[in-house]
Amino acid sequence: MKVVCIENTKWILSGPHQLRKFAQENSIKEAISIMKPKQIFISILAVLFVFPLMGTFAQQASSSGSIEVIMTFDYPGAGNLTLPQKINERGDIVGEFIDSNGVTRAFVRFSDGSFSAPIVDPNDTVGFTEGRGINNSRTVCGDYVGSDGNSHGFFLSGGTFTEYDVPGALSTAVLGINDLADFAGAFDPGSGILQGFVSVGGTITSFSVPGAISTLAYQLNNSKQLVVGYYIDGSGILHGYFRDANGVLHFPIDPSGSVGTVLFGDNIRNWVVGRYADSSGVTHGLFFVPPNNFFTFDYPGSTFTSLNGINAAGFICGRYVDASGIAHGIIARVTGTPPTKEAGPEMKAFDSRSLVTPLNQSPSAWGGAMPAR
């Protein structure tokens, strides 16, 4: 079976209230040489689909957008797996790479095509530092695993690391940051059930999709009007969601045929990117326009494509996995005008809040990925 979206990162629970994350990538078979970016210009018509949101069916709209692949890239070094995460308005990309020994390090690919040295949080004791978000001031956010075996957030600005944990949390992951230095992520309050959070102007607001065993917030845009992420239901299935400026949660976001959906990034135009897996084991890149429109993108010849970050100009970063199991970075761009549709039903974030204890706390019950990359 090819790599699917929920098999790249695993969390191992080592006690009722402890969470540890280890990287795992499939099929590290061959070393690769340093690759120069391939100037590949592939215009692929995106197929527009319209799917039910909260039981409401919308009419199918005509196709009016496309995605152009600009280039692919790899973090320098033999055998590295390259996993881009977010892209800022300058074109700088933050991400992480996994070396042939399974060690995870963060990196920045600057807009001129150069790379930073590997980014390692000084408190990382297990070889696991992730780069998750970057803004226009080049402040990087992410997470690492410390000596306590838990995940902790960090910010890196001007060469200085600042550690961050949600107050009182057992573990914290900072998954996105905007140009106002507001940020989003997930934390474990000690129950083993992750909650999403946003920090706006220094004020933290946490939230959970009702009935979910975990909720994760991946990005809030510069207008602070849209937060995107995913949640895991009681059966261990991943679904996308978005949270609007009024704190209303819209869910589930699931393209037709999806067996697991993750929303990773958004921009000020409320364009959203992510991925979903189908029942055949193929993972598709996802371009989503709230409230209920999307189209898919598959890198040619690959059965795994993930779109992770998007900026205001429509530039996208993500990755594809080749036939040998090696992950490569993608830079692409949206062209055309995506369609919009009338909003569907809504639920208030705190009106029917319901945190439940997972019936099964094994990694498979958590969708095999916490948080997804």
Protein backbone atom coordinates (compact mmCIF):
# COMPACT_ATOMS: atom_id res chain seq x y z
CA MET A 1 0.00 0.00 0.00
CA LYS A 2 1.23 3.50 -0.75
CA VAL A 3 1.75 6.15 1.90
CA VAL A 4 -1.55 7.62 3.04
CA CYS A 5 -2.18 10.83 4.88
CA ILE A 6 -2.78 9.33 8.27
CA GLU A 7 0.32 7.20 8.40
CA ASN A 8 3.17 9.70 8.50
CA THR A 9 3.22 10.65 12.16
CA LYS A 10 2.34 8.56 15.15
CA TRP A 11 1.66 9.46 18.74
CA ILE A 12 2.23 6.90 21.44
CA LEU A 13 0.37 7.24 24.73
CA SER A 14 2.63 6.26 27.61
CA GLY A 15 0.11 6.54 30.42
CA PRO A 16 -3.42 7.85 30.79
CA HIS A 17 -2.31 11.46 30.67
CA GLN A 18 0.91 11.42 28.65
CA LEU A 19 1.42 11.84 24.96
CA ARG A 20 4.60 11.22 23.00
CA LYS A 21 5.13 11.72 19.32
CA PHE A 22 7.56 9.95 17.10
CA ALA A 23 8.14 10.35 13.37
CA GLN A 24 7.56 7.43 11.08
CA GLU A 25 7.75 7.52 7.28
CA ASN A 26 7.19 4.53 5.05
CA SER A 27 9.71 2.95 2.68
CA ILE A 28 12.98 4.83 3.21
CA LYS A 29 14.68 2.68 0.58
CA GLU A 30 17.25 4.66 -1.31
CA ALA A 31 19.52 7.61 -0.64
CA ILE A 32 18.94 10.61 -2.80
CA SER A 33 21.41 13.20 -3.99
CA ILE A 34 20.95 16.91 -3.56
CA MET A 35 18.36 17.95 -6.06
CA LYS A 36 18.13 21.24 -7.83
CA PRO A 37 14.57 22.57 -8.07
CA LYS A 38 12.90 21.21 -11.15
CA GLN A 39 11.36 23.91 -13.22
CA ILE A 40 8.23 21.99 -13.92
CA PHE A 41 5.27 23.88 -15.24
CA ILE A 42 2.28 21.61 -15.25
CA SER A 43 -1.17 23.07 -15.68
CA ILE A 44 -3.68 20.66 -14.35
CA LEU A 45 -7.36 21.38 -14.54
CA ALA A 46 -8.85 20.88 -11.12
CA VAL A 47 -12.10 19.00 -10.98
CA LEU A 48 -14.62 20.83 -8.89
CA PHE A 49 -16.81 18.85 -6.59
CA VAL A 50 -19.57 19.97 -4.31
CA PHE A 51 -20.36 17.85 -1.31
CA PRO A 52 -22.88 17.82 1.56
CA LEU A 53 -22.08 19.93 4.60
CA MET A 54 -23.97 18.96 7.75
CA GLY A 55 -26.61 17.17 5.73
CA THR A 56 -27.26 19.98 3.26
CA PHE A 57 -26.57 19.29 -0.44
CA ALA A 58 -25.41 22.06 -2.72
CA GLN A 59 -25.68 22.22 -6.49
CA GLN A 60 -22.61 21.26 -8.52
CA ALA A 61 -20.75 24.25 -9.94
CA SER A 62 -18.70 24.44 -13.09
CA SER A 63 -14.93 24.03 -13.02
CA SER A 64 -13.21 27.43 -12.94
CA GLY A 65 -9.84 26.97 -11.29
CA SER A 66 -6.53 25.17 -11.78
CA ILE A 67 -3.29 24.48 -9.96
CA GLU A 68 0.10 24.96 -11.64
CA VAL A 69 3.14 23.18 -10.23
CA ILE A 70 6.06 25.62 -10.30
CA MET A 71 8.81 23.38 -8.96
CA THR A 72 9.70 20.56 -6.62
CA PHE A 73 12.52 20.63 -4.09
CA ASP A 74 14.28 18.56 -1.45
CA TYR A 75 16.09 19.56 1.71
CA PRO A 76 19.78 18.95 0.92
CA GLY A 77 21.21 15.64 2.06
CA ALA A 78 21.11 11.98 1.13
CA GLY A 79 17.96 10.10 2.09
CA ASN A 80 16.02 13.06 3.45
CA LEU A 81 12.22 13.13 3.34
CA THR A 82 10.99 16.71 2.78
CA LEU A 83 7.72 17.84 4.39
CA PRO A 84 6.90 21.56 3.78
CA GLN A 85 4.25 22.99 6.11
CA LYS A 86 3.48 26.69 5.53
CA ILE A 87 4.40 29.53 3.17
CA ASN A 88 4.45 33.25 3.99
CA GLU A 89 3.67 36.20 1.70
CA ARG A 90 7.37 36.57 0.82
CA GLY A 91 7.54 33.01 -0.46
CA ASP A 92 9.56 31.62 2.45
CA ILE A 93 8.57 28.05 3.34
CA VAL A 94 8.87 26.37 6.72
CA GLY A 95 8.80 22.63 7.13
CA GLU A 96 10.65 19.64 8.42
CA PHE A 97 12.80 16.89 7.04
CA ILE A 98 13.34 13.37 8.27
CA ASP A 99 16.79 11.90 7.73
CA SER A 100 17.67 8.28 7.03
CA ASN A 101 17.97 7.64 10.79
CA GLY A 102 14.43 8.86 11.46
CA VAL A 103 15.54 12.12 13.10
CA THR A 104 13.17 15.04 12.47
CA ARG A 105 14.51 18.59 12.06
CA ALA A 106 12.83 21.85 11.05
CA PHE A 107 14.00 24.00 8.15
CA VAL A 108 13.23 27.18 6.22
CA ARG A 109 13.49 27.36 2.45
CA PHE A 110 13.92 31.04 1.70
CA SER A 111 12.30 32.73 -1.28
CA ASP A 112 15.67 32.86 -3.09
CA GLY A 113 15.85 29.05 -3.04
CA SER A 114 18.44 28.75 -0.26
CA PHE A 115 17.92 26.66 2.87
CA SER A 116 18.52 27.30 6.54
CA ALA A 117 20.67 25.00 8.62
CA PRO A 118 18.65 22.33 10.42
CA ILE A 119 16.55 23.93 13.16
CA VAL A 120 16.75 22.11 16.49
CA ASP A 121 15.06 23.35 19.64
CA PRO A 122 17.69 23.45 22.42
CA ASN A 123 15.39 21.39 24.65
CA ASP A 124 14.82 18.65 22.07
CA THR A 125 16.19 15.49 23.70
CA VAL A 126 14.83 12.81 21.34
CA GLY A 127 15.63 14.13 17.86
CA PHE A 128 12.23 15.60 17.09
CA THR A 129 11.79 19.29 16.20
CA GLU A 130 9.04 20.33 13.77
CA GLY A 131 8.69 23.59 11.86
CA ARG A 132 4.98 24.31 11.52
CA GLY A 133 4.38 27.97 10.68
CA ILE A 134 6.15 31.11 9.44
CA ASN A 135 5.03 34.72 9.04
CA ASN A 136 6.38 37.66 7.04
CA SER A 137 8.81 38.65 9.80
CA ARG A 138 10.20 35.10 9.47
CA THR A 139 9.14 34.11 12.97
CA VAL A 140 8.94 30.32 12.95
CA CYS A 141 6.65 28.31 15.20
CA GLY A 142 6.58 24.60 15.85
CA ASP A 143 6.97 21.93 18.47
CA TYR A 144 9.56 19.56 19.90
CA VAL A 145 9.65 16.60 22.29
CA GLY A 146 11.48 17.22 25.54
CA SER A 147 12.97 15.08 28.29
CA ASP A 148 9.53 14.64 29.86
CA GLY A 149 8.37 12.82 26.73
CA ASN A 150 5.77 15.48 25.94
CA SER A 151 5.37 17.88 23.04
CA HIS A 152 6.06 21.57 23.69
CA GLY A 153 5.69 24.61 21.46
CA PHE A 154 8.37 27.06 20.44
CA PHE A 155 8.93 30.27 18.50
CA LEU A 156 12.17 31.12 16.71
CA SER A 157 12.88 34.73 15.79
CA GLY A 158 16.24 36.30 14.97
CA GLY A 159 18.05 33.17 16.12
CA THR A 160 16.36 33.18 19.54
CA PHE A 161 14.12 30.34 20.74
CA THR A 162 11.17 31.08 23.00
CA GLU A 163 9.47 28.09 24.57
CA TYR A 164 5.68 28.09 24.73
CA ASP A 165 3.08 25.97 26.50
CA VAL A 166 -0.59 26.72 27.00
CA PRO A 167 -0.81 27.48 30.74
CA GLY A 168 -1.51 24.30 32.69
CA ALA A 169 -1.22 22.06 29.62
CA LEU A 170 0.56 18.73 29.68
CA SER A 171 1.57 19.07 26.02
CA THR A 172 1.35 21.84 23.41
CA ALA A 173 1.87 22.05 19.65
CA VAL A 174 1.97 25.46 17.92
CA LEU A 175 0.82 24.76 14.37
CA GLY A 176 0.44 28.15 12.66
CA ILE A 177 1.24 31.85 13.07
CA ASN A 178 -0.02 34.90 11.17
CA ASP A 179 1.60 38.28 10.44
CA LEU A 180 0.08 39.81 13.58
CA ALA A 181 1.87 37.15 15.66
CA ASP A 182 -1.46 35.52 16.53
CA PHE A 183 -1.14 31.75 16.50
CA ALA A 184 -3.07 28.48 16.63
CA GLY A 185 -2.43 24.95 17.79
CA ALA A 186 -3.52 22.13 20.05
CA PHE A 187 -2.90 21.17 23.66
CA ASP A 188 -3.58 18.34 26.08
CA PRO A 189 -5.02 19.70 29.33
CA GLY A 190 -4.15 16.43 31.06
CA SER A 191 -7.14 14.39 29.94
CA GLY A 192 -5.46 12.85 26.91
CA ILE A 193 -7.99 14.66 24.70
CA LEU A 194 -6.47 17.38 22.54
CA GLN A 195 -8.26 20.72 22.29
CA GLY A 196 -7.75 23.35 19.63
CA PHE A 197 -6.76 26.89 20.59
CA VAL A 198 -6.07 30.30 19.14
CA SER A 199 -4.08 33.09 20.73
CA VAL A 200 -5.23 36.50 19.48
CA GLY A 201 -3.57 39.56 20.98
CA GLY A 202 -2.31 37.38 23.82
CA THR A 203 -5.77 36.06 24.73
CA ILE A 204 -6.12 32.28 24.45
CA THR A 205 -9.42 30.76 23.38
CA SER A 206 -9.80 26.99 23.37
CA PHE A 207 -12.49 25.01 21.61
CA SER A 208 -13.51 21.48 20.66
CA VAL A 209 -15.84 20.03 18.07
CA PRO A 210 -18.73 18.51 20.04
CA GLY A 211 -18.25 14.79 20.55
CA ALA A 212 -14.69 14.79 19.21
CA ILE A 213 -11.92 12.87 20.94
CA SER A 214 -9.44 15.46 19.65
CA THR A 215 -9.59 18.86 17.94
CA LEU A 216 -6.57 20.56 16.37
CA ALA A 217 -6.28 24.12 15.01
CA TYR A 218 -3.71 24.54 12.25
CA GLN A 219 -3.91 28.14 11.08
CA LEU A 220 -5.75 31.42 11.48
CA ASN A 221 -5.49 33.93 8.68
CA ASN A 222 -4.37 37.56 8.88
CA SER A 223 -7.94 38.83 9.10
CA LYS A 224 -8.49 36.52 12.11
CA GLN A 225 -11.77 35.50 10.55
CA LEU A 226 -11.01 31.89 9.68
CA VAL A 227 -9.42 29.07 11.65
CA VAL A 228 -8.99 25.68 10.00
CA GLY A 229 -7.99 22.25 11.23
CA TYR A 230 -9.33 18.78 11.80
CA TYR A 231 -10.92 16.68 14.50
CA ILE A 232 -11.17 12.99 15.29
CA ASP A 233 -14.59 11.51 15.94
CA GLY A 234 -15.45 8.73 18.40
CA SER A 235 -14.68 6.11 15.75
CA GLY A 236 -11.18 7.46 15.12
CA ILE A 237 -12.08 9.06 11.76
CA LEU A 238 -10.47 12.40 10.78
CA HIS A 239 -12.69 15.22 9.49
CA GLY A 240 -11.93 18.81 8.51
CA TYR A 241 -13.62 21.82 10.11
CA PHE A 242 -13.44 25.60 10.03
CA ARG A 243 -14.22 28.17 12.71
CA ASP A 244 -15.47 31.58 11.66
CA ALA A 245 -15.00 35.03 13.24
CA ASN A 246 -18.06 34.51 15.47
CA GLY A 247 -16.64 31.33 16.98
CA VAL A 248 -19.00 29.13 14.99
CA LEU A 249 -17.67 25.69 14.07
CA HIS A 250 -18.58 24.30 10.66
CA PHE A 251 -18.12 20.55 10.34
CA PRO A 252 -17.63 17.95 9.04
CA ILE A 253 -15.71 18.97 5.93
CA ASP A 254 -15.40 15.72 3.98
CA PRO A 255 -15.09 15.45 0.19
CA SER A 256 -17.09 12.65 -1.38
CA GLY A 257 -15.26 9.35 -0.93
CA SER A 258 -13.04 10.61 1.91
CA VAL A 259 -12.07 8.25 4.72
CA GLY A 260 -9.99 10.93 6.44
CA THR A 261 -9.75 14.70 5.84
CA VAL A 262 -7.24 17.23 7.19
CA LEU A 263 -7.29 21.01 6.60
CA PHE A 264 -3.86 22.57 7.09
CA GLY A 265 -3.70 26.17 5.89
CA ASP A 266 -5.71 29.21 4.86
CA ASN A 267 -5.14 32.73 3.55
CA ILE A 268 -6.82 36.12 3.85
CA ARG A 269 -9.02 35.24 0.85
CA ASN A 270 -10.43 32.32 2.86
CA TRP A 271 -8.89 29.77 0.51
CA VAL A 272 -8.04 26.57 2.36
CA VAL A 273 -5.68 23.70 1.55
CA GLY A 274 -5.34 20.20 2.93
CA ARG A 275 -5.65 16.58 1.88
CA TYR A 276 -7.94 13.60 2.10
CA ALA A 277 -7.56 9.84 1.68
CA ASP A 278 -9.95 7.60 -0.19
CA SER A 279 -10.83 3.95 0.45
CA SER A 280 -8.31 2.72 -2.13
CA GLY A 281 -5.39 4.16 -0.18
CA VAL A 282 -4.78 7.16 -2.43
CA THR A 283 -4.26 10.54 -0.77
CA HIS A 284 -5.34 13.63 -2.72
CA GLY A 285 -4.41 17.28 -2.31
CA LEU A 286 -7.45 19.36 -1.36
CA PHE A 287 -8.33 22.97 -2.23
CA PHE A 288 -11.39 24.07 -0.26
CA VAL A 289 -13.51 27.20 -0.45
CA PRO A 290 -15.86 27.62 2.55
CA PRO A 291 -18.54 26.74 3.12
CA ASN A 292 -18.77 23.69 0.88
CA ASN A 293 -16.74 23.79 -2.35
CA PHE A 294 -13.54 21.96 -3.14
CA PHE A 295 -11.44 20.52 -5.91
CA THR A 296 -8.68 17.95 -5.82
CA PHE A 297 -5.10 17.99 -7.03
CA ASP A 298 -2.89 14.95 -7.58
CA TYR A 299 0.79 15.29 -8.40
CA PRO A 300 1.31 13.35 -11.66
CA GLY A 301 2.25 9.72 -11.08
CA SER A 302 1.91 9.89 -7.29
CA THR A 303 -0.67 8.26 -5.03
CA PHE A 304 0.10 10.70 -2.18
CA THR A 305 -0.29 14.48 -2.50
CA SER A 306 -0.66 16.91 0.40
CA LEU A 307 -1.26 20.68 0.17
CA ASN A 308 -0.19 22.25 3.46
CA GLY A 309 0.12 26.02 3.20
CA ILE A 310 -1.19 28.85 1.02
CA ASN A 311 -0.45 32.58 0.95
CA ALA A 312 -2.56 35.54 -0.22
CA ALA A 313 -1.16 35.36 -3.76
CA GLY A 314 -2.32 31.76 -4.04
CA PHE A 315 1.13 30.16 -3.81
CA ILE A 316 0.93 26.72 -2.21
CA CYS A 317 3.51 24.53 -0.50
CA GLY A 318 3.08 20.83 0.09
CA ARG A 319 4.54 17.50 -0.92
CA TYR A 320 4.15 14.35 -2.95
CA VAL A 321 5.56 10.87 -2.36
CA ASP A 322 7.28 9.00 -5.18
CA ALA A 323 7.14 5.28 -5.98
CA SER A 324 10.09 4.53 -3.68
CA GLY A 325 8.43 6.21 -0.71
CA ILE A 326 10.50 9.42 -0.77
CA ALA A 327 8.63 12.65 0.06
CA HIS A 328 9.47 15.74 -2.05
CA GLY A 329 8.44 19.35 -1.57
CA ILE A 330 6.06 21.09 -3.99
CA ILE A 331 5.60 24.76 -4.81
CA ALA A 332 2.44 25.44 -6.81
CA ARG A 333 0.01 28.25 -7.53
CA VAL A 334 -3.74 28.57 -7.87
CA THR A 335 -4.93 30.20 -11.08
CA GLY A 336 -8.42 31.26 -11.97
CA THR A 337 -11.26 32.19 -9.62
CA PRO A 338 -12.54 29.50 -7.25
CA PRO A 339 -16.33 29.28 -6.97
CA THR A 340 -18.34 30.06 -3.87
CA LYS A 341 -21.61 28.68 -2.54
CA GLU A 342 -24.26 29.57 0.01
CA ALA A 343 -23.34 28.72 3.59
CA GLY A 344 -24.67 25.59 5.23
CA PRO A 345 -25.93 24.93 8.79
CA GLU A 346 -23.81 26.01 11.74
CA MET A 347 -23.10 25.03 15.34
CA LYS A 348 -21.90 27.33 18.10
CA ALA A 349 -18.52 26.30 19.44
CA PHE A 350 -19.47 26.40 23.10
CA ASP A 351 -23.23 25.82 22.97
CA SER A 352 -22.98 22.06 22.76
CA ARG A 353 -19.44 21.43 23.82
CA SER A 354 -18.87 17.79 24.68
CA LEU A 355 -15.48 16.43 25.60
CA VAL A 356 -15.54 12.64 25.85
CA THR A 357 -13.02 10.06 26.98
CA PRO A 358 -11.69 8.02 24.06
CA LEU A 359 -12.94 4.44 24.09
CA ASN A 360 -9.62 3.27 22.74
CA GLN A 361 -6.46 5.28 23.33
CA SER A 362 -4.25 3.28 20.96
CA PRO A 363 -2.56 5.22 18.11
CA SER A 364 -4.89 3.62 15.54
CA ALA A 365 -7.92 4.98 17.36
CA TRP A 366 -6.46 8.45 17.04
CA GLY A 367 -6.26 8.14 13.28
CA GLY A 368 -2.59 7.17 13.39
CA ALA A 369 -1.44 10.80 13.24
CA MET A 370 -1.30 13.38 16.02
CA PRO A 371 -0.97 15.96 14.72
CA ALA A 372 -0.93 15.32 11.00
CA ARG A 373 1.83 16.81 8.85
